[in-house]
N, C-alpha and C. Protein backbone atom coordinates (compact mmCIF):
# COMPACT_ATOMS: atom_id res chain seq x y z
N MET A 1 79.65 124.96 105.28
CA MET A 1 79.62 125.10 106.73
C MET A 1 79.00 123.87 107.38
N ARG A 2 78.02 123.24 106.67
CA ARG A 2 77.42 122.04 107.25
C ARG A 2 78.47 120.95 107.44
N SER A 3 79.42 120.86 106.48
CA SER A 3 80.47 119.84 106.59
C SER A 3 81.35 120.10 107.80
N ILE A 4 81.62 121.38 108.09
CA ILE A 4 82.43 121.72 109.26
C ILE A 4 81.68 121.32 110.53
N HIS A 5 80.38 121.61 110.57
CA HIS A 5 79.60 121.25 111.76
C HIS A 5 79.60 119.74 111.97
N ARG A 6 79.47 118.97 110.86
CA ARG A 6 79.47 117.52 110.99
C ARG A 6 80.81 117.02 111.49
N ALA A 7 81.92 117.63 110.99
CA ALA A 7 83.25 117.20 111.42
C ALA A 7 83.47 117.47 112.89
N VAL A 8 83.04 118.65 113.36
CA VAL A 8 83.20 118.98 114.78
C VAL A 8 82.36 118.07 115.65
N LEU A 9 81.12 117.78 115.21
CA LEU A 9 80.25 116.88 115.97
C LEU A 9 80.85 115.50 116.05
N PHE A 10 81.40 115.02 114.92
CA PHE A 10 82.04 113.70 114.91
C PHE A 10 83.21 113.66 115.88
N ALA A 11 84.04 114.72 115.89
CA ALA A 11 85.19 114.75 116.79
C ALA A 11 84.75 114.73 118.25
N LEU A 12 83.66 115.46 118.56
CA LEU A 12 83.18 115.48 119.94
C LEU A 12 82.64 114.12 120.36
N LEU A 13 81.98 113.42 119.44
CA LEU A 13 81.48 112.09 119.76
C LEU A 13 82.61 111.10 119.97
N VAL A 14 83.61 111.17 119.10
CA VAL A 14 84.74 110.26 119.22
C VAL A 14 85.53 110.54 120.49
N SER A 15 85.52 111.81 120.94
CA SER A 15 86.28 112.16 122.14
C SER A 15 85.78 111.41 123.37
N GLN A 16 84.53 110.90 123.29
CA GLN A 16 84.00 110.16 124.43
C GLN A 16 84.46 108.71 124.43
N ILE A 17 85.07 108.28 123.31
CA ILE A 17 85.54 106.90 123.20
C ILE A 17 87.04 106.90 123.43
N ARG A 18 87.49 106.54 124.61
CA ARG A 18 88.90 106.58 124.95
C ARG A 18 89.31 105.24 125.52
N PRO A 19 90.61 104.91 125.41
CA PRO A 19 91.07 103.67 125.99
C PRO A 19 90.85 103.68 127.50
N ALA A 20 90.63 102.50 128.06
CA ALA A 20 90.46 102.39 129.51
C ALA A 20 91.71 102.90 130.20
N PRO A 21 91.60 103.69 131.26
CA PRO A 21 92.76 104.25 131.94
C PRO A 21 93.61 103.16 132.56
N ALA A 22 94.91 103.36 132.51
CA ALA A 22 95.83 102.41 133.12
C ALA A 22 95.82 102.62 134.62
N ALA A 23 96.47 101.69 135.32
CA ALA A 23 96.51 101.77 136.78
C ALA A 23 97.16 103.07 137.22
N ALA A 24 98.24 103.45 136.53
CA ALA A 24 98.91 104.71 136.85
C ALA A 24 98.30 105.83 136.00
N GLN A 25 98.21 107.00 136.57
CA GLN A 25 97.64 108.15 135.87
C GLN A 25 98.52 108.52 134.70
N GLN A 26 97.93 108.65 133.50
CA GLN A 26 98.70 109.01 132.32
C GLN A 26 98.96 110.51 132.31
N PRO A 27 100.17 110.92 131.97
CA PRO A 27 100.46 112.37 131.92
C PRO A 27 99.67 113.04 130.81
N VAL A 28 99.15 114.23 131.11
CA VAL A 28 98.34 114.98 130.15
C VAL A 28 99.04 116.30 129.86
N ALA A 29 99.08 116.69 128.59
CA ALA A 29 99.70 117.95 128.21
C ALA A 29 98.88 118.62 127.13
N ASP A 30 98.89 119.95 127.14
CA ASP A 30 98.30 120.76 126.07
C ASP A 30 99.41 121.30 125.19
N ILE A 31 99.20 121.23 123.88
CA ILE A 31 100.18 121.74 122.92
C ILE A 31 99.51 122.84 122.10
N PHE A 32 100.11 124.02 122.12
CA PHE A 32 99.60 125.17 121.37
C PHE A 32 100.60 125.52 120.26
N ILE A 33 100.11 125.64 119.03
CA ILE A 33 100.96 125.93 117.88
C ILE A 33 100.41 127.17 117.17
N LEU A 34 101.28 128.15 116.94
CA LEU A 34 100.96 129.34 116.16
C LEU A 34 102.00 129.51 115.07
N ARG A 35 101.54 129.80 113.87
CA ARG A 35 102.48 130.02 112.76
C ARG A 35 101.98 131.14 111.87
N SER A 36 102.92 131.86 111.30
CA SER A 36 102.58 132.90 110.33
C SER A 36 103.78 133.17 109.45
N ALA A 37 103.51 133.65 108.24
CA ALA A 37 104.60 133.97 107.31
C ALA A 37 104.24 135.22 106.52
N GLU A 38 105.28 135.96 106.14
CA GLU A 38 105.09 137.18 105.35
C GLU A 38 106.07 137.20 104.20
N GLN A 39 105.58 137.56 103.04
CA GLN A 39 106.40 137.68 101.85
C GLN A 39 107.39 138.83 102.02
N LEU A 40 108.66 138.59 101.68
CA LEU A 40 109.69 139.61 101.90
C LEU A 40 109.68 140.70 100.84
N GLN A 41 109.31 140.37 99.63
CA GLN A 41 109.27 141.39 98.58
C GLN A 41 107.92 142.11 98.60
N SER A 42 107.90 143.29 98.03
CA SER A 42 106.67 144.08 97.97
C SER A 42 105.59 143.29 97.22
N PRO A 43 104.36 143.30 97.70
CA PRO A 43 103.74 144.19 98.71
C PRO A 43 103.74 143.62 100.13
N HIS A 44 104.60 142.66 100.45
CA HIS A 44 104.77 142.14 101.82
C HIS A 44 103.47 141.57 102.40
N VAL A 45 102.82 140.73 101.62
CA VAL A 45 101.55 140.15 102.08
C VAL A 45 101.81 138.99 103.04
N VAL A 46 100.85 138.76 103.92
CA VAL A 46 100.88 137.58 104.79
C VAL A 46 100.50 136.38 103.93
N THR A 47 101.32 135.35 103.92
CA THR A 47 101.09 134.21 103.03
C THR A 47 100.30 133.09 103.68
N TYR A 48 100.39 132.95 105.01
CA TYR A 48 99.53 131.98 105.68
C TYR A 48 99.55 132.21 107.18
N ARG A 49 98.53 131.66 107.86
CA ARG A 49 98.45 131.68 109.32
C ARG A 49 97.89 130.34 109.78
N VAL A 50 98.37 129.88 110.95
CA VAL A 50 97.90 128.60 111.51
C VAL A 50 97.75 128.76 113.02
N PHE A 51 96.65 128.21 113.54
CA PHE A 51 96.51 128.02 114.98
C PHE A 51 96.06 126.59 115.22
N GLU A 52 96.69 125.92 116.19
CA GLU A 52 96.35 124.53 116.47
C GLU A 52 96.46 124.26 117.97
N TRP A 53 95.51 123.49 118.48
CA TRP A 53 95.55 123.04 119.88
C TRP A 53 95.41 121.53 119.90
N THR A 54 96.28 120.88 120.68
CA THR A 54 96.31 119.43 120.78
C THR A 54 96.40 119.05 122.25
N GLU A 55 95.76 117.94 122.58
CA GLU A 55 95.93 117.36 123.91
C GLU A 55 96.58 116.00 123.76
N THR A 56 97.59 115.72 124.57
CA THR A 56 98.19 114.39 124.61
C THR A 56 97.92 113.79 125.97
N ARG A 57 97.63 112.50 125.95
CA ARG A 57 97.34 111.76 127.18
C ARG A 57 98.14 110.46 127.11
N GLY A 58 99.30 110.46 127.75
CA GLY A 58 100.19 109.32 127.58
C GLY A 58 100.67 109.29 126.14
N ARG A 59 100.46 108.17 125.46
CA ARG A 59 100.86 108.03 124.06
C ARG A 59 99.78 108.49 123.10
N TRP A 60 98.57 108.76 123.61
CA TRP A 60 97.45 109.12 122.75
C TRP A 60 97.44 110.62 122.45
N ILE A 61 97.10 110.96 121.21
CA ILE A 61 97.01 112.35 120.76
C ILE A 61 95.55 112.61 120.38
N PHE A 62 94.80 113.28 121.25
CA PHE A 62 93.40 113.55 120.99
C PHE A 62 92.83 114.40 122.13
N PRO A 63 92.05 115.40 121.81
CA PRO A 63 91.67 115.88 120.48
C PRO A 63 92.75 116.78 119.87
N ASP A 64 92.61 117.07 118.59
CA ASP A 64 93.51 117.95 117.87
C ASP A 64 92.66 118.80 116.92
N PHE A 65 92.62 120.10 117.16
CA PHE A 65 91.83 121.01 116.33
C PHE A 65 92.74 122.11 115.79
N GLY A 66 92.49 122.53 114.55
CA GLY A 66 93.31 123.59 113.99
C GLY A 66 92.62 124.38 112.90
N TYR A 67 93.23 125.52 112.60
CA TYR A 67 92.71 126.45 111.59
C TYR A 67 93.88 126.97 110.77
N TYR A 68 93.69 127.03 109.45
CA TYR A 68 94.69 127.56 108.51
C TYR A 68 93.98 128.52 107.57
N ASP A 69 94.67 129.61 107.23
CA ASP A 69 94.17 130.42 106.12
C ASP A 69 95.34 130.96 105.32
N SER A 70 94.99 131.50 104.16
CA SER A 70 96.01 131.98 103.22
C SER A 70 96.45 133.40 103.52
N GLY A 71 96.17 133.88 104.72
CA GLY A 71 96.67 135.18 105.14
C GLY A 71 95.60 136.15 105.56
N TYR A 72 94.44 136.12 104.91
CA TYR A 72 93.42 137.11 105.20
C TYR A 72 92.03 136.49 105.33
N GLY A 73 91.97 135.19 105.55
CA GLY A 73 90.71 134.52 105.82
C GLY A 73 89.86 134.21 104.61
N LYS A 74 90.33 134.54 103.39
CA LYS A 74 89.50 134.30 102.21
C LYS A 74 89.48 132.82 101.82
N ASP A 75 90.58 132.13 102.06
CA ASP A 75 90.64 130.69 101.82
C ASP A 75 91.07 130.03 103.13
N GLN A 76 90.17 129.28 103.75
CA GLN A 76 90.42 128.70 105.07
C GLN A 76 90.40 127.17 104.99
N ILE A 77 91.12 126.56 105.93
CA ILE A 77 91.02 125.12 106.13
C ILE A 77 90.86 124.88 107.62
N TRP A 78 89.77 124.20 107.99
CA TRP A 78 89.55 123.78 109.36
C TRP A 78 89.87 122.29 109.43
N PHE A 79 90.60 121.87 110.44
CA PHE A 79 90.98 120.46 110.50
C PHE A 79 90.91 119.93 111.93
N THR A 80 90.68 118.64 112.02
CA THR A 80 90.65 117.94 113.30
C THR A 80 91.27 116.56 113.11
N GLY A 81 91.95 116.08 114.15
CA GLY A 81 92.64 114.80 113.99
C GLY A 81 92.86 114.09 115.30
N ALA A 82 93.46 112.92 115.19
CA ALA A 82 93.78 112.10 116.35
C ALA A 82 94.90 111.14 115.95
N GLY A 83 95.60 110.63 116.95
CA GLY A 83 96.67 109.67 116.65
C GLY A 83 97.34 109.21 117.92
N MET A 84 98.57 108.70 117.75
CA MET A 84 99.31 108.23 118.92
C MET A 84 100.80 108.24 118.63
N ASP A 85 101.56 108.16 119.69
CA ASP A 85 103.02 108.06 119.61
C ASP A 85 103.35 106.58 119.42
N LEU A 86 103.68 106.19 118.20
CA LEU A 86 103.87 104.77 117.90
C LEU A 86 105.18 104.22 118.44
N ILE A 87 106.24 105.00 118.31
CA ILE A 87 107.57 104.57 118.79
C ILE A 87 108.18 105.73 119.57
N HIS A 88 108.68 105.45 120.76
CA HIS A 88 109.30 106.50 121.55
C HIS A 88 110.51 105.92 122.27
N THR A 89 111.69 106.36 121.86
CA THR A 89 112.94 105.97 122.50
C THR A 89 113.76 107.24 122.73
N PRO A 90 114.84 107.18 123.50
CA PRO A 90 115.65 108.39 123.71
C PRO A 90 116.20 108.99 122.42
N ARG A 91 116.35 108.18 121.36
CA ARG A 91 116.98 108.69 120.13
C ARG A 91 116.04 108.71 118.93
N PHE A 92 114.84 108.16 119.08
CA PHE A 92 113.93 108.09 117.92
C PHE A 92 112.50 108.18 118.39
N ASP A 93 111.70 108.98 117.66
CA ASP A 93 110.29 109.12 118.00
C ASP A 93 109.47 109.20 116.71
N TRP A 94 108.36 108.44 116.69
CA TRP A 94 107.46 108.45 115.54
C TRP A 94 106.04 108.60 116.06
N SER A 95 105.43 109.77 115.81
CA SER A 95 104.02 109.99 116.14
C SER A 95 103.24 110.03 114.84
N GLN A 96 102.03 109.48 114.89
CA GLN A 96 101.20 109.38 113.68
C GLN A 96 99.80 109.88 113.97
N GLU A 97 99.33 110.81 113.11
CA GLU A 97 97.97 111.32 113.22
C GLU A 97 97.26 111.20 111.88
N ILE A 98 95.93 111.15 111.95
CA ILE A 98 95.07 111.23 110.78
C ILE A 98 94.17 112.45 110.96
N TYR A 99 94.20 113.36 109.99
CA TYR A 99 93.42 114.58 110.04
C TYR A 99 92.29 114.54 109.00
N PHE A 100 91.16 115.09 109.39
CA PHE A 100 90.10 115.41 108.44
C PHE A 100 90.12 116.92 108.23
N SER A 101 90.14 117.36 106.97
CA SER A 101 90.20 118.80 106.68
C SER A 101 89.03 119.20 105.80
N GLN A 102 88.54 120.42 106.06
CA GLN A 102 87.42 120.97 105.30
C GLN A 102 87.74 122.42 104.94
N GLU A 103 87.66 122.74 103.66
CA GLU A 103 87.92 124.10 103.20
C GLU A 103 86.69 124.97 103.42
N ALA A 104 86.91 126.26 103.70
CA ALA A 104 85.82 127.21 103.90
C ALA A 104 86.32 128.58 103.46
N GLY A 105 85.47 129.60 103.64
CA GLY A 105 85.86 130.96 103.28
C GLY A 105 85.29 131.38 101.94
N PRO A 106 85.32 132.69 101.64
CA PRO A 106 84.72 133.22 100.41
C PRO A 106 85.37 132.72 99.13
N GLN A 107 86.65 132.29 99.19
CA GLN A 107 87.31 131.76 98.00
C GLN A 107 87.33 130.23 98.00
N SER A 108 86.59 129.62 98.88
CA SER A 108 86.60 128.17 99.01
C SER A 108 85.94 127.49 97.81
N THR A 109 86.47 126.30 97.47
CA THR A 109 85.81 125.41 96.50
C THR A 109 85.31 124.15 97.20
N ASN A 110 85.22 124.22 98.54
CA ASN A 110 84.67 123.14 99.36
C ASN A 110 85.52 121.87 99.31
N LYS A 111 86.84 122.02 99.27
CA LYS A 111 87.72 120.86 99.26
C LYS A 111 87.63 120.13 100.60
N ARG A 112 87.67 118.81 100.51
CA ARG A 112 87.58 117.98 101.71
C ARG A 112 88.56 116.82 101.54
N SER A 113 89.35 116.54 102.60
CA SER A 113 90.39 115.51 102.43
C SER A 113 90.81 114.92 103.77
N LEU A 114 91.58 113.84 103.68
CA LEU A 114 92.27 113.25 104.82
C LEU A 114 93.77 113.47 104.65
N TRP A 115 94.45 113.77 105.75
CA TRP A 115 95.91 113.86 105.77
C TRP A 115 96.44 112.75 106.67
N LEU A 116 97.34 111.94 106.16
CA LEU A 116 98.01 110.92 106.97
C LEU A 116 99.35 111.50 107.40
N TRP A 117 99.38 112.06 108.62
CA TRP A 117 100.45 112.96 109.04
C TRP A 117 101.38 112.30 110.06
N PRO A 118 102.57 111.87 109.63
CA PRO A 118 103.57 111.40 110.59
C PRO A 118 104.55 112.50 110.94
N VAL A 119 105.08 112.46 112.15
CA VAL A 119 106.19 113.33 112.55
C VAL A 119 107.27 112.42 113.12
N ILE A 120 108.44 112.43 112.49
CA ILE A 120 109.54 111.56 112.89
C ILE A 120 110.71 112.42 113.36
N ASP A 121 111.17 112.15 114.58
CA ASP A 121 112.31 112.85 115.16
C ASP A 121 113.45 111.87 115.40
N ALA A 122 114.65 112.30 115.07
CA ALA A 122 115.84 111.47 115.31
C ALA A 122 116.91 112.32 115.98
N GLN A 123 117.39 111.87 117.15
CA GLN A 123 118.46 112.56 117.87
C GLN A 123 119.75 111.83 117.56
N TRP A 124 120.49 112.29 116.55
CA TRP A 124 121.66 111.57 116.07
C TRP A 124 122.85 111.71 117.02
N SER A 125 122.88 112.81 117.76
CA SER A 125 123.92 113.03 118.75
C SER A 125 123.35 114.00 119.77
N PRO A 126 124.06 114.28 120.88
CA PRO A 126 123.51 115.23 121.85
C PRO A 126 123.20 116.61 121.25
N ARG A 127 123.86 116.96 120.16
CA ARG A 127 123.64 118.29 119.57
C ARG A 127 122.94 118.26 118.21
N LEU A 128 122.91 117.11 117.55
CA LEU A 128 122.38 117.04 116.18
C LEU A 128 121.02 116.36 116.17
N HIS A 129 120.02 117.09 115.64
CA HIS A 129 118.63 116.61 115.65
C HIS A 129 118.03 116.73 114.25
N ALA A 130 117.27 115.72 113.84
CA ALA A 130 116.59 115.74 112.55
C ALA A 130 115.10 115.53 112.77
N GLN A 131 114.29 116.14 111.90
CA GLN A 131 112.85 115.96 111.98
C GLN A 131 112.25 116.02 110.57
N ILE A 132 111.26 115.17 110.34
CA ILE A 132 110.54 115.20 109.06
C ILE A 132 109.06 115.01 109.31
N ALA A 133 108.25 115.81 108.61
CA ALA A 133 106.79 115.69 108.61
C ALA A 133 106.36 115.80 107.15
N ALA A 134 106.03 114.68 106.54
CA ALA A 134 105.61 114.63 105.14
C ALA A 134 104.39 113.73 105.05
N TYR A 135 103.39 114.16 104.31
CA TYR A 135 102.12 113.43 104.36
C TYR A 135 101.42 113.44 103.00
N PRO A 136 100.68 112.36 102.70
CA PRO A 136 99.83 112.36 101.50
C PRO A 136 98.49 113.01 101.79
N VAL A 137 97.91 113.61 100.76
CA VAL A 137 96.57 114.19 100.82
C VAL A 137 95.62 113.26 100.07
N ILE A 138 94.61 112.74 100.78
CA ILE A 138 93.65 111.82 100.18
C ILE A 138 92.34 112.56 99.98
N PRO A 139 91.93 112.80 98.74
CA PRO A 139 90.71 113.59 98.50
C PRO A 139 89.45 112.84 98.92
N LEU A 140 88.49 113.60 99.47
CA LEU A 140 87.19 113.06 99.86
C LEU A 140 86.05 113.63 99.01
N ASP A 141 86.38 114.53 98.09
CA ASP A 141 85.37 115.02 97.15
C ASP A 141 86.07 115.40 95.85
N ALA A 142 85.28 115.76 94.85
CA ALA A 142 85.82 116.04 93.53
C ALA A 142 86.64 117.33 93.48
N ALA A 143 86.41 118.24 94.43
CA ALA A 143 87.13 119.51 94.43
C ALA A 143 88.58 119.35 94.84
N GLU A 144 88.87 118.37 95.67
CA GLU A 144 90.23 118.13 96.15
C GLU A 144 90.98 117.20 95.18
N HIS A 145 92.31 117.29 95.19
CA HIS A 145 93.15 116.45 94.34
C HIS A 145 94.14 115.68 95.20
N LYS A 146 94.58 114.55 94.67
CA LYS A 146 95.63 113.81 95.35
C LYS A 146 96.89 114.66 95.41
N GLY A 147 97.64 114.51 96.49
CA GLY A 147 98.86 115.29 96.60
C GLY A 147 99.78 114.76 97.67
N VAL A 148 100.96 115.33 97.73
CA VAL A 148 101.96 115.02 98.75
C VAL A 148 102.54 116.34 99.22
N ASP A 149 102.68 116.49 100.52
CA ASP A 149 103.20 117.73 101.08
C ASP A 149 104.30 117.41 102.08
N VAL A 150 105.45 118.04 101.91
CA VAL A 150 106.52 117.97 102.90
C VAL A 150 106.45 119.25 103.71
N ASP A 151 105.82 119.17 104.89
CA ASP A 151 105.71 120.37 105.72
C ASP A 151 107.09 120.83 106.17
N ARG A 152 107.93 119.87 106.57
CA ARG A 152 109.30 120.20 106.95
C ARG A 152 110.14 118.94 106.99
N ALA A 153 111.38 119.09 106.55
CA ALA A 153 112.41 118.07 106.70
C ALA A 153 113.68 118.84 107.03
N LYS A 154 114.11 118.79 108.29
CA LYS A 154 115.16 119.71 108.71
C LYS A 154 116.22 119.01 109.56
N LEU A 155 117.40 119.61 109.55
CA LEU A 155 118.52 119.16 110.36
C LEU A 155 118.99 120.36 111.18
N GLU A 156 119.07 120.18 112.52
CA GLU A 156 119.40 121.30 113.40
C GLU A 156 120.56 120.94 114.32
N TRP A 157 121.37 121.96 114.60
CA TRP A 157 122.52 121.82 115.49
C TRP A 157 122.30 122.70 116.72
N SER A 158 122.40 122.12 117.90
CA SER A 158 122.23 122.86 119.14
C SER A 158 123.58 123.45 119.54
N PHE A 159 123.77 124.73 119.24
CA PHE A 159 125.06 125.37 119.55
C PHE A 159 125.05 126.02 120.93
N HIS A 160 123.88 125.99 121.60
CA HIS A 160 123.73 126.54 122.94
C HIS A 160 122.54 125.85 123.56
N SER A 161 122.45 125.86 124.89
CA SER A 161 121.35 125.18 125.56
C SER A 161 119.98 125.74 125.16
N HIS A 162 119.96 127.03 124.70
CA HIS A 162 118.69 127.65 124.33
C HIS A 162 118.58 128.00 122.85
N TRP A 163 119.57 127.62 122.04
CA TRP A 163 119.57 128.01 120.64
C TRP A 163 119.87 126.82 119.73
N LEU A 164 119.14 126.75 118.59
CA LEU A 164 119.42 125.78 117.55
C LEU A 164 119.46 126.51 116.21
N ALA A 165 120.24 125.98 115.29
CA ALA A 165 120.29 126.53 113.94
C ALA A 165 120.43 125.38 112.95
N GLY A 166 119.88 125.57 111.76
CA GLY A 166 119.96 124.50 110.79
C GLY A 166 119.39 124.90 109.44
N ALA A 167 119.11 123.88 108.64
CA ALA A 167 118.57 124.08 107.30
C ALA A 167 117.58 122.96 107.02
N GLY A 168 116.70 123.23 106.08
CA GLY A 168 115.69 122.22 105.80
C GLY A 168 115.05 122.40 104.44
N TYR A 169 114.06 121.54 104.21
CA TYR A 169 113.36 121.52 102.93
C TYR A 169 111.86 121.43 103.18
N SER A 170 111.11 122.18 102.40
CA SER A 170 109.65 122.10 102.38
C SER A 170 109.21 122.10 100.93
N GLY A 171 108.12 121.43 100.64
CA GLY A 171 107.67 121.39 99.25
C GLY A 171 106.51 120.44 99.08
N GLY A 172 106.15 120.22 97.83
CA GLY A 172 105.08 119.28 97.57
C GLY A 172 104.33 119.59 96.31
N LYS A 173 103.30 118.77 96.10
CA LYS A 173 102.45 118.91 94.91
C LYS A 173 101.02 118.67 95.36
N CYS A 174 100.29 119.75 95.60
CA CYS A 174 98.88 119.66 96.01
C CYS A 174 98.03 120.53 95.10
N ASP A 175 98.03 121.83 95.36
CA ASP A 175 97.22 122.75 94.56
C ASP A 175 97.90 123.11 93.24
N ASN A 176 99.20 122.89 93.15
CA ASN A 176 99.94 123.26 91.94
C ASN A 176 100.17 122.03 91.07
N PRO A 177 100.18 122.19 89.74
CA PRO A 177 100.38 121.04 88.85
C PRO A 177 101.79 120.48 88.88
N THR A 178 102.76 121.30 89.32
CA THR A 178 104.15 120.86 89.38
C THR A 178 104.63 120.88 90.83
N TRP A 179 105.67 120.12 91.09
CA TRP A 179 106.24 120.05 92.44
C TRP A 179 106.88 121.39 92.79
N GLN A 180 106.59 121.88 94.00
CA GLN A 180 107.15 123.13 94.47
C GLN A 180 108.27 122.86 95.47
N ASN A 181 109.44 123.47 95.26
CA ASN A 181 110.59 123.32 96.15
C ASN A 181 110.79 124.61 96.95
N GLU A 182 110.81 124.49 98.28
CA GLU A 182 110.91 125.67 99.13
C GLU A 182 111.90 125.42 100.28
N PRO A 183 113.19 125.44 99.99
CA PRO A 183 114.20 125.23 101.05
C PRO A 183 114.24 126.41 102.02
N PHE A 184 114.79 126.16 103.20
CA PHE A 184 114.81 127.24 104.20
C PHE A 184 116.00 127.09 105.14
N LEU A 185 116.34 128.20 105.79
CA LEU A 185 117.27 128.24 106.91
C LEU A 185 116.45 128.49 108.17
N THR A 186 116.86 127.91 109.30
CA THR A 186 116.06 128.02 110.51
C THR A 186 116.92 128.31 111.73
N VAL A 187 116.36 129.11 112.63
CA VAL A 187 116.96 129.38 113.94
C VAL A 187 115.85 129.26 114.98
N THR A 188 116.12 128.54 116.08
CA THR A 188 115.12 128.33 117.13
C THR A 188 115.64 128.83 118.46
N ARG A 189 114.79 129.54 119.17
CA ARG A 189 115.09 130.02 120.51
C ARG A 189 114.16 129.29 121.48
N LYS A 190 114.74 128.55 122.43
CA LYS A 190 113.97 127.84 123.44
C LYS A 190 113.81 128.71 124.68
N THR A 191 112.58 128.82 125.18
CA THR A 191 112.32 129.59 126.39
C THR A 191 111.35 128.81 127.27
N HIS A 192 111.18 129.28 128.51
CA HIS A 192 110.20 128.66 129.40
C HIS A 192 108.77 128.91 128.91
N GLY A 193 108.59 129.92 128.09
CA GLY A 193 107.28 130.24 127.56
C GLY A 193 107.02 129.65 126.19
N GLY A 194 107.83 128.69 125.78
CA GLY A 194 107.65 128.05 124.48
C GLY A 194 108.86 128.25 123.58
N ASN A 195 108.85 127.57 122.44
CA ASN A 195 109.93 127.65 121.47
C ASN A 195 109.52 128.53 120.29
N PHE A 196 110.40 129.45 119.92
CA PHE A 196 110.17 130.35 118.79
C PHE A 196 111.13 129.97 117.67
N GLU A 197 110.57 129.55 116.56
CA GLU A 197 111.39 129.13 115.41
C GLU A 197 111.21 130.13 114.28
N PHE A 198 112.32 130.56 113.68
CA PHE A 198 112.29 131.56 112.62
C PHE A 198 112.88 130.93 111.34
N TRP A 199 112.12 131.07 110.25
CA TRP A 199 112.57 130.55 108.96
C TRP A 199 112.81 131.71 107.99
N LEU A 200 113.86 131.57 107.19
CA LEU A 200 114.06 132.38 106.00
C LEU A 200 113.96 131.40 104.84
N GLN A 201 112.91 131.56 104.01
CA GLN A 201 112.54 130.51 103.07
C GLN A 201 112.39 131.03 101.65
N ARG A 202 112.90 130.26 100.71
CA ARG A 202 112.69 130.58 99.29
C ARG A 202 111.34 130.01 98.86
N ILE A 203 110.53 130.82 98.20
CA ILE A 203 109.24 130.38 97.68
C ILE A 203 109.15 130.80 96.21
N HIS A 204 108.12 130.31 95.54
CA HIS A 204 107.91 130.66 94.14
C HIS A 204 107.75 132.18 93.99
N GLY A 205 108.62 132.78 93.23
CA GLY A 205 108.55 134.21 92.98
C GLY A 205 109.28 135.08 93.98
N GLY A 206 109.98 134.48 94.94
CA GLY A 206 110.70 135.30 95.91
C GLY A 206 111.07 134.56 97.17
N ALA A 207 110.81 135.21 98.32
CA ALA A 207 111.17 134.62 99.61
C ALA A 207 110.17 135.07 100.66
N GLN A 208 110.14 134.36 101.78
CA GLN A 208 109.27 134.73 102.88
C GLN A 208 109.97 134.46 104.21
N ALA A 209 109.51 135.14 105.25
CA ALA A 209 109.97 134.90 106.61
C ALA A 209 108.83 134.25 107.38
N GLN A 210 109.15 133.20 108.10
CA GLN A 210 108.15 132.50 108.89
C GLN A 210 108.49 132.58 110.38
N VAL A 211 107.46 132.59 111.21
CA VAL A 211 107.59 132.43 112.65
C VAL A 211 106.73 131.23 113.04
N ARG A 212 107.34 130.27 113.74
CA ARG A 212 106.62 129.08 114.20
C ARG A 212 106.82 128.97 115.71
N TYR A 213 105.71 129.02 116.42
CA TYR A 213 105.75 128.99 117.88
C TYR A 213 105.05 127.74 118.37
N ILE A 214 105.65 127.09 119.38
CA ILE A 214 105.02 125.92 120.01
C ILE A 214 105.23 125.96 121.52
N LEU A 215 104.17 125.72 122.24
CA LEU A 215 104.20 125.65 123.70
C LEU A 215 103.61 124.32 124.14
N VAL A 216 104.37 123.56 124.92
CA VAL A 216 103.90 122.30 125.50
C VAL A 216 103.72 122.55 126.99
N LYS A 217 102.49 122.48 127.47
CA LYS A 217 102.18 122.81 128.87
C LYS A 217 101.61 121.57 129.56
N ASP A 218 102.34 121.05 130.51
CA ASP A 218 101.88 119.89 131.29
C ASP A 218 100.78 120.32 132.26
N ARG A 219 99.77 119.47 132.35
CA ARG A 219 98.72 119.73 133.35
C ARG A 219 99.12 119.15 134.69
N GLU A 220 98.76 119.84 135.73
CA GLU A 220 99.10 119.38 137.07
C GLU A 220 98.13 118.30 137.53
């Protein structure tokens, strides 16, 4: 818990160090992310939960705070990060963040690491969109191990102004000694209250259903 307190204190201190404001007011937005998944086969356990809040100010991404657990709070990861939108064009976007993560909870082994987290979007046509978020895990203590995680690599087709459908890949090698492959099918519903993305995903030993929600709210 002391490590979590130090990480939060560090993030608050760094939050006071910001680039000098430009002549024009930079647009500010809040991003809220909620995710959860449930195993489809019996006993239908919740496999993970995520909550994350991010503020963007122009091209800068800061602060970024989040929480992950393995379903019931026994193994938790608290994380904080910062970054910026490195490249932004109508057809290509590359945002890059660096996260500090600290494990907690009754099943914790006190793992501590850095994640070098890029998100790359490509709009190949008015209807065809691709996105990839894959990152290395850099250990900061002996409990953590080197790893690579593909959070998502997906291709989506917009068949309606409010609907997308596609397929993708998730996987990696972090806590497991061998690479894990977890392909998925995805459907997204866009609404004024945020985007709801639904995954049907193959996982080790069966399958799971995921719900991924994101809301981007501009500040007035």
